[in-house]
Amino acid sequence: MKMIMRDRCPADLDRCVEALAVVHHTDGYPLNWPVDPHGWLSPAGLLHAWIAEDPGGTLAGHLAVDRVTGPCPMEAVTVSTSADPPTSRPAAEVSRLFVVPAYRRQAVGRRLLKQAQQWAGSRGLALILEVVDDGRSGAVATYEATGWQLNHLSQADWTGPGGEPVRLRHYRYPSQDDSGVTTADGERAGGMR
């Protein structure tokens, strides 16, 4: 099925929240349902967001890119599958990526990631992301199959719905001119949010 990838606009937010609720019920993403799902989809550091729609206008997926405002430890590797050197470009973080179950296995997530990669590349931004390390995530398989490189694992500064600790997998998307990750405000990265 042909999908339309486009910039998200404010009028899309209610549909995005409805789709997110379906994903949360099916997959438990996000791990903790947000008190304000509209605000969760539009965090203060939001740089850009896209949606995927089928030709009839039904929402199929969502992806956002946020400003990296805190420390970002891309060179403090505890687990690494990459021999690439750290980069020195400003970084942005892929977030809020989800695909409605009825539209899975149609490359919707991959196409949304490609939108973000092209957008970031045209702005000289490196891309990073984090995902819950739950051992069953289709997201991990998608990221690794599309070239994202596992950089390290960390303990989240928040807990799961039952108060359990949450481990995160941190990825970066390599580029040909990868020479170091800095925060969006130009400081050298030292720890990830």
C-alpha atoms as a PDB file:
ATOM      1  CA  MET A   1       0.000   0.000   0.000  1.00  0.00           C
ATOM      2  CA  LYS A   2       1.266   3.439  -0.860  1.00  0.00           C
ATOM      3  CA  MET A   3       1.993   5.625   2.177  1.00  0.00           C
ATOM      4  CA  ILE A   4       2.156   9.393   2.316  1.00  0.00           C
ATOM      5  CA  MET A   5       4.927  10.816   4.516  1.00  0.00           C
ATOM      6  CA  ARG A   6       4.390  14.424   5.510  1.00  0.00           C
ATOM      7  CA  ASP A   7       5.155  16.995   8.162  1.00  0.00           C
ATOM      8  CA  ARG A   8       2.928  16.706  11.200  1.00  0.00           C
ATOM      9  CA  CYS A   9       0.697  19.731  11.778  1.00  0.00           C
ATOM     10  CA  PRO A  10      -1.204  20.752  14.937  1.00  0.00           C
ATOM     11  CA  ALA A  11      -4.475  19.407  13.510  1.00  0.00           C
ATOM     12  CA  ASP A  12      -2.913  15.905  13.440  1.00  0.00           C
ATOM     13  CA  LEU A  13      -2.287  15.671  17.191  1.00  0.00           C
ATOM     14  CA  ASP A  14      -5.653  14.192  18.227  1.00  0.00           C
ATOM     15  CA  ARG A  15      -5.274  11.419  15.627  1.00  0.00           C
ATOM     16  CA  CYS A  16      -1.692  10.838  16.777  1.00  0.00           C
ATOM     17  CA  VAL A  17      -2.849  10.428  20.387  1.00  0.00           C
ATOM     18  CA  GLU A  18      -5.559   7.971  19.278  1.00  0.00           C
ATOM     19  CA  ALA A  19      -3.000   5.947  17.309  1.00  0.00           C
ATOM     20  CA  LEU A  20      -0.537   6.065  20.209  1.00  0.00           C
ATOM     21  CA  ALA A  21      -3.239   4.662  22.510  1.00  0.00           C
ATOM     22  CA  VAL A  22      -3.696   1.687  20.154  1.00  0.00           C
ATOM     23  CA  VAL A  23       0.071   1.113  20.091  1.00  0.00           C
ATOM     24  CA  HIS A  24       0.286   1.399  23.879  1.00  0.00           C
ATOM     25  CA  HIS A  25      -2.541  -1.105  24.355  1.00  0.00           C
ATOM     26  CA  THR A  26      -0.964  -3.539  21.867  1.00  0.00           C
ATOM     27  CA  ASP A  27       2.754  -3.164  22.625  1.00  0.00           C
ATOM     28  CA  GLY A  28       3.143  -1.208  25.834  1.00  0.00           C
ATOM     29  CA  TYR A  29       4.752   1.752  24.044  1.00  0.00           C
ATOM     30  CA  PRO A  30       5.279   4.114  25.605  1.00  0.00           C
ATOM     31  CA  LEU A  31       6.155   1.971  28.613  1.00  0.00           C
ATOM     32  CA  ASN A  32       4.376   4.467  30.897  1.00  0.00           C
ATOM     33  CA  TRP A  33       1.289   6.150  29.451  1.00  0.00           C
ATOM     34  CA  PRO A  34       1.883   9.918  29.608  1.00  0.00           C
ATOM     35  CA  VAL A  35      -0.328  12.131  31.783  1.00  0.00           C
ATOM     36  CA  ASP A  36      -0.488  14.556  28.836  1.00  0.00           C
ATOM     37  CA  PRO A  37      -0.148  12.539  25.614  1.00  0.00           C
ATOM     38  CA  HIS A  38      -0.470  15.658  23.420  1.00  0.00           C
ATOM     39  CA  GLY A  39       2.421  17.248  25.311  1.00  0.00           C
ATOM     40  CA  TRP A  40       4.414  14.005  25.206  1.00  0.00           C
ATOM     41  CA  LEU A  41       4.175  14.022  21.406  1.00  0.00           C
ATOM     42  CA  SER A  42       5.282  17.685  21.347  1.00  0.00           C
ATOM     43  CA  PRO A  43       8.076  18.018  23.924  1.00  0.00           C
ATOM     44  CA  ALA A  44       9.725  21.386  24.566  1.00  0.00           C
ATOM     45  CA  GLY A  45      12.774  20.452  22.465  1.00  0.00           C
ATOM     46  CA  LEU A  46      10.798  19.300  19.411  1.00  0.00           C
ATOM     47  CA  LEU A  47      12.602  20.191  16.184  1.00  0.00           C
ATOM     48  CA  HIS A  48      10.370  18.422  13.658  1.00  0.00           C
ATOM     49  CA  ALA A  49       7.735  15.677  13.409  1.00  0.00           C
ATOM     50  CA  TRP A  50       6.293  13.581  10.594  1.00  0.00           C
ATOM     51  CA  ILE A  51       3.334  11.314  10.150  1.00  0.00           C
ATOM     52  CA  ALA A  52       2.628   8.506   7.716  1.00  0.00           C
ATOM     53  CA  GLU A  53      -0.871   8.178   6.270  1.00  0.00           C
ATOM     54  CA  ASP A  54      -2.513   5.756   3.903  1.00  0.00           C
ATOM     55  CA  PRO A  55      -4.156   7.229   0.769  1.00  0.00           C
ATOM     56  CA  GLY A  56      -7.459   7.481   2.652  1.00  0.00           C
ATOM     57  CA  GLY A  57      -5.867   9.702   5.307  1.00  0.00           C
ATOM     58  CA  THR A  58      -5.718   7.108   8.102  1.00  0.00           C
ATOM     59  CA  LEU A  59      -2.729   7.654  10.366  1.00  0.00           C
ATOM     60  CA  ALA A  60      -0.215   4.795  10.078  1.00  0.00           C
ATOM     61  CA  GLY A  61       2.810   6.102  12.003  1.00  0.00           C
ATOM     62  CA  HIS A  62       4.625   8.981  13.676  1.00  0.00           C
ATOM     63  CA  LEU A  63       8.194  10.124  14.309  1.00  0.00           C
ATOM     64  CA  ALA A  64       9.678  13.187  16.007  1.00  0.00           C
ATOM     65  CA  VAL A  65      13.170  14.637  16.212  1.00  0.00           C
ATOM     66  CA  ASP A  66      14.119  16.499  19.379  1.00  0.00           C
ATOM     67  CA  ARG A  67      16.942  18.801  20.368  1.00  0.00           C
ATOM     68  CA  VAL A  68      19.606  17.100  22.506  1.00  0.00           C
ATOM     69  CA  THR A  69      19.765  19.464  25.453  1.00  0.00           C
ATOM     70  CA  GLY A  70      21.603  17.427  28.063  1.00  0.00           C
ATOM     71  CA  PRO A  71      24.851  15.558  28.127  1.00  0.00           C
ATOM     72  CA  CYS A  72      25.175  12.807  25.531  1.00  0.00           C
ATOM     73  CA  PRO A  73      27.817  10.107  26.212  1.00  0.00           C
ATOM     74  CA  MET A  74      28.492   8.835  22.757  1.00  0.00           C
ATOM     75  CA  GLU A  75      32.160   8.301  23.475  1.00  0.00           C
ATOM     76  CA  ALA A  76      31.614   6.750  26.941  1.00  0.00           C
ATOM     77  CA  VAL A  77      30.868   3.336  25.503  1.00  0.00           C
ATOM     78  CA  THR A  78      29.956   0.475  27.822  1.00  0.00           C
ATOM     79  CA  VAL A  79      28.751  -1.734  24.973  1.00  0.00           C
ATOM     80  CA  SER A  80      29.805  -1.031  21.419  1.00  0.00           C
ATOM     81  CA  THR A  81      29.358  -2.778  18.104  1.00  0.00           C
ATOM     82  CA  SER A  82      31.146  -0.051  16.181  1.00  0.00           C
ATOM     83  CA  ALA A  83      34.758   0.750  15.472  1.00  0.00           C
ATOM     84  CA  ASP A  84      33.770   4.176  14.145  1.00  0.00           C
ATOM     85  CA  PRO A  85      35.273   7.197  15.883  1.00  0.00           C
ATOM     86  CA  PRO A  86      32.946   9.535  17.792  1.00  0.00           C
ATOM     87  CA  THR A  87      31.529  12.413  15.776  1.00  0.00           C
ATOM     88  CA  SER A  88      31.838  16.175  16.311  1.00  0.00           C
ATOM     89  CA  ARG A  89      28.576  17.313  14.721  1.00  0.00           C
ATOM     90  CA  PRO A  90      25.589  18.648  16.643  1.00  0.00           C
ATOM     91  CA  ALA A  91      23.096  15.888  17.405  1.00  0.00           C
ATOM     92  CA  ALA A  92      19.335  15.518  17.410  1.00  0.00           C
ATOM     93  CA  GLU A  93      17.377  12.636  18.921  1.00  0.00           C
ATOM     94  CA  VAL A  94      14.802  10.495  17.133  1.00  0.00           C
ATOM     95  CA  SER A  95      11.817  10.002  19.427  1.00  0.00           C
ATOM     96  CA  ARG A  96       8.121   9.162  19.534  1.00  0.00           C
ATOM     97  CA  LEU A  97       8.431   6.664  16.681  1.00  0.00           C
ATOM     98  CA  PHE A  98       5.485   4.319  16.444  1.00  0.00           C
ATOM     99  CA  VAL A  99       3.599   2.428  13.755  1.00  0.00           C
ATOM    100  CA  VAL A 100      -0.049   1.441  14.166  1.00  0.00           C
ATOM    101  CA  PRO A 101      -0.291  -2.397  14.255  1.00  0.00           C
ATOM    102  CA  ALA A 102      -2.485  -2.582  11.123  1.00  0.00           C
ATOM    103  CA  TYR A 103       0.308  -0.916   9.109  1.00  0.00           C
ATOM    104  CA  ARG A 104       3.279  -2.957  10.264  1.00  0.00           C
ATOM    105  CA  ARG A 105       5.466  -4.890   7.847  1.00  0.00           C
ATOM    106  CA  GLN A 106       4.889  -2.216   5.215  1.00  0.00           C
ATOM    107  CA  ALA A 107       8.151  -0.306   5.839  1.00  0.00           C
ATOM    108  CA  VAL A 108       6.332   2.603   7.508  1.00  0.00           C
ATOM    109  CA  GLY A 109       8.890   2.863  10.343  1.00  0.00           C
ATOM    110  CA  ARG A 110      11.790   2.624   7.901  1.00  0.00           C
ATOM    111  CA  ARG A 111      10.321   5.351   5.709  1.00  0.00           C
ATOM    112  CA  LEU A 112       9.771   7.640   8.695  1.00  0.00           C
ATOM    113  CA  LEU A 113      13.375   7.038   9.792  1.00  0.00           C
ATOM    114  CA  LYS A 114      14.542   7.884   6.257  1.00  0.00           C
ATOM    115  CA  GLN A 115      12.617  11.191   6.456  1.00  0.00           C
ATOM    116  CA  ALA A 116      14.408  12.032   9.710  1.00  0.00           C
ATOM    117  CA  GLN A 117      17.799  11.006   8.328  1.00  0.00           C
ATOM    118  CA  GLN A 118      17.385  13.190   5.239  1.00  0.00           C
ATOM    119  CA  TRP A 119      16.136  16.120   7.304  1.00  0.00           C
ATOM    120  CA  ALA A 120      19.009  15.847   9.804  1.00  0.00           C
ATOM    121  CA  GLY A 121      21.598  15.341   7.064  1.00  0.00           C
ATOM    122  CA  SER A 122      20.489  18.514   5.286  1.00  0.00           C
ATOM    123  CA  ARG A 123      21.079  20.399   8.553  1.00  0.00           C
ATOM    124  CA  GLY A 124      24.397  18.803   9.459  1.00  0.00           C
ATOM    125  CA  LEU A 125      22.912  16.995  12.456  1.00  0.00           C
ATOM    126  CA  ALA A 126      23.951  13.577  13.679  1.00  0.00           C
ATOM    127  CA  LEU A 127      21.067  11.399  14.857  1.00  0.00           C
ATOM    128  CA  ILE A 128      20.854   9.411  18.078  1.00  0.00           C
ATOM    129  CA  LEU A 129      18.040   7.519  19.758  1.00  0.00           C
ATOM    130  CA  GLU A 130      17.282   5.395  22.783  1.00  0.00           C
ATOM    131  CA  VAL A 131      14.907   2.480  23.126  1.00  0.00           C
ATOM    132  CA  VAL A 132      13.862   0.288  26.037  1.00  0.00           C
ATOM    133  CA  ASP A 133      15.957  -2.892  26.129  1.00  0.00           C
ATOM    134  CA  ASP A 134      13.092  -5.317  26.682  1.00  0.00           C
ATOM    135  CA  GLY A 135      14.321  -8.213  24.557  1.00  0.00           C
ATOM    136  CA  ARG A 136      11.140  -8.327  22.443  1.00  0.00           C
ATOM    137  CA  SER A 137      11.179  -5.045  20.625  1.00  0.00           C
ATOM    138  CA  GLY A 138      10.548  -4.916  16.895  1.00  0.00           C
ATOM    139  CA  ALA A 139      12.008  -1.424  17.134  1.00  0.00           C
ATOM    140  CA  VAL A 140      15.468  -2.807  17.944  1.00  0.00           C
ATOM    141  CA  ALA A 141      15.330  -5.093  14.903  1.00  0.00           C
ATOM    142  CA  THR A 142      14.260  -2.189  12.682  1.00  0.00           C
ATOM    143  CA  TYR A 143      17.009   0.123  13.940  1.00  0.00           C
ATOM    144  CA  GLU A 144      19.732  -2.475  13.542  1.00  0.00           C
ATOM    145  CA  ALA A 145      18.489  -3.564  10.104  1.00  0.00           C
ATOM    146  CA  THR A 146      18.553   0.050   8.885  1.00  0.00           C
ATOM    147  CA  GLY A 147      22.137   0.786   9.926  1.00  0.00           C
ATOM    148  CA  TRP A 148      21.746   2.248  13.406  1.00  0.00           C
ATOM    149  CA  GLN A 149      24.703   1.307  15.588  1.00  0.00           C
ATOM    150  CA  LEU A 150      24.371   0.288  19.221  1.00  0.00           C
ATOM    151  CA  ASN A 151      26.586   2.587  21.230  1.00  0.00           C
ATOM    152  CA  HIS A 152      25.923   1.621  24.836  1.00  0.00           C
ATOM    153  CA  LEU A 153      23.401   0.501  27.432  1.00  0.00           C
ATOM    154  CA  SER A 154      22.302   2.545  30.451  1.00  0.00           C
ATOM    155  CA  GLN A 155      19.846   2.562  33.327  1.00  0.00           C
ATOM    156  CA  ALA A 156      16.945   4.984  32.760  1.00  0.00           C
ATOM    157  CA  ASP A 157      16.375   7.735  35.325  1.00  0.00           C
ATOM    158  CA  TRP A 158      12.716   6.657  35.390  1.00  0.00           C
ATOM    159  CA  THR A 159      11.012   3.353  36.167  1.00  0.00           C
ATOM    160  CA  GLY A 160       8.547   1.031  34.497  1.00  0.00           C
ATOM    161  CA  PRO A 161       4.837   0.949  35.387  1.00  0.00           C
ATOM    162  CA  GLY A 162       5.484  -1.381  38.334  1.00  0.00           C
ATOM    163  CA  GLY A 163       8.426   0.641  39.662  1.00  0.00           C
ATOM    164  CA  GLU A 164      10.968  -1.712  38.081  1.00  0.00           C
ATOM    165  CA  PRO A 165      14.270  -0.386  36.720  1.00  0.00           C
ATOM    166  CA  VAL A 166      14.409   0.171  32.967  1.00  0.00           C
ATOM    167  CA  ARG A 167      17.477  -0.468  30.818  1.00  0.00           C
ATOM    168  CA  LEU A 168      17.936   1.572  27.647  1.00  0.00           C
ATOM    169  CA  ARG A 169      19.771   0.823  24.411  1.00  0.00           C
ATOM    170  CA  HIS A 170      21.440   3.921  22.907  1.00  0.00           C
ATOM    171  CA  TYR A 171      21.996   4.082  19.157  1.00  0.00           C
ATOM    172  CA  ARG A 172      23.531   6.488  16.699  1.00  0.00           C
ATOM    173  CA  TYR A 173      23.052   6.699  12.982  1.00  0.00           C
ATOM    174  CA  PRO A 174      26.428   6.744  11.236  1.00  0.00           C
ATOM    175  CA  SER A 175      27.238   9.095   8.410  1.00  0.00           C
ATOM    176  CA  GLN A 176      30.172   9.452   6.035  1.00  0.00           C
ATOM    177  CA  ASP A 177      31.435  12.547   7.839  1.00  0.00           C
ATOM    178  CA  ASP A 178      30.935  11.143  11.361  1.00  0.00           C
ATOM    179  CA  SER A 179      33.601  12.807  13.465  1.00  0.00           C
ATOM    180  CA  GLY A 180      31.970  13.460  16.897  1.00  0.00           C
ATOM    181  CA  VAL A 181      28.612  14.169  18.615  1.00  0.00           C
ATOM    182  CA  THR A 182      27.967  17.450  20.364  1.00  0.00           C
ATOM    183  CA  THR A 183      24.791  18.795  21.889  1.00  0.00           C
ATOM    184  CA  ALA A 184      22.550  21.000  19.756  1.00  0.00           C
ATOM    185  CA  ASP A 185      23.889  24.068  21.552  1.00  0.00           C
ATOM    186  CA  GLY A 186      27.443  23.251  20.412  1.00  0.00           C
ATOM    187  CA  GLU A 187      28.972  21.726  23.544  1.00  0.00           C
ATOM    188  CA  ARG A 188      30.936  18.481  23.398  1.00  0.00           C
ATOM    189  CA  ALA A 189      28.713  15.596  24.432  1.00  0.00           C
ATOM    190  CA  GLY A 190      29.420  13.808  27.683  1.00  0.00           C
ATOM    191  CA  GLY A 191      26.271  11.972  28.838  1.00  0.00           C
ATOM    192  CA  MET A 192      22.887  11.035  27.214  1.00  0.00           C
ATOM    193  CA  ARG A 193      19.473  12.094  28.429  1.00  0.00           C
END
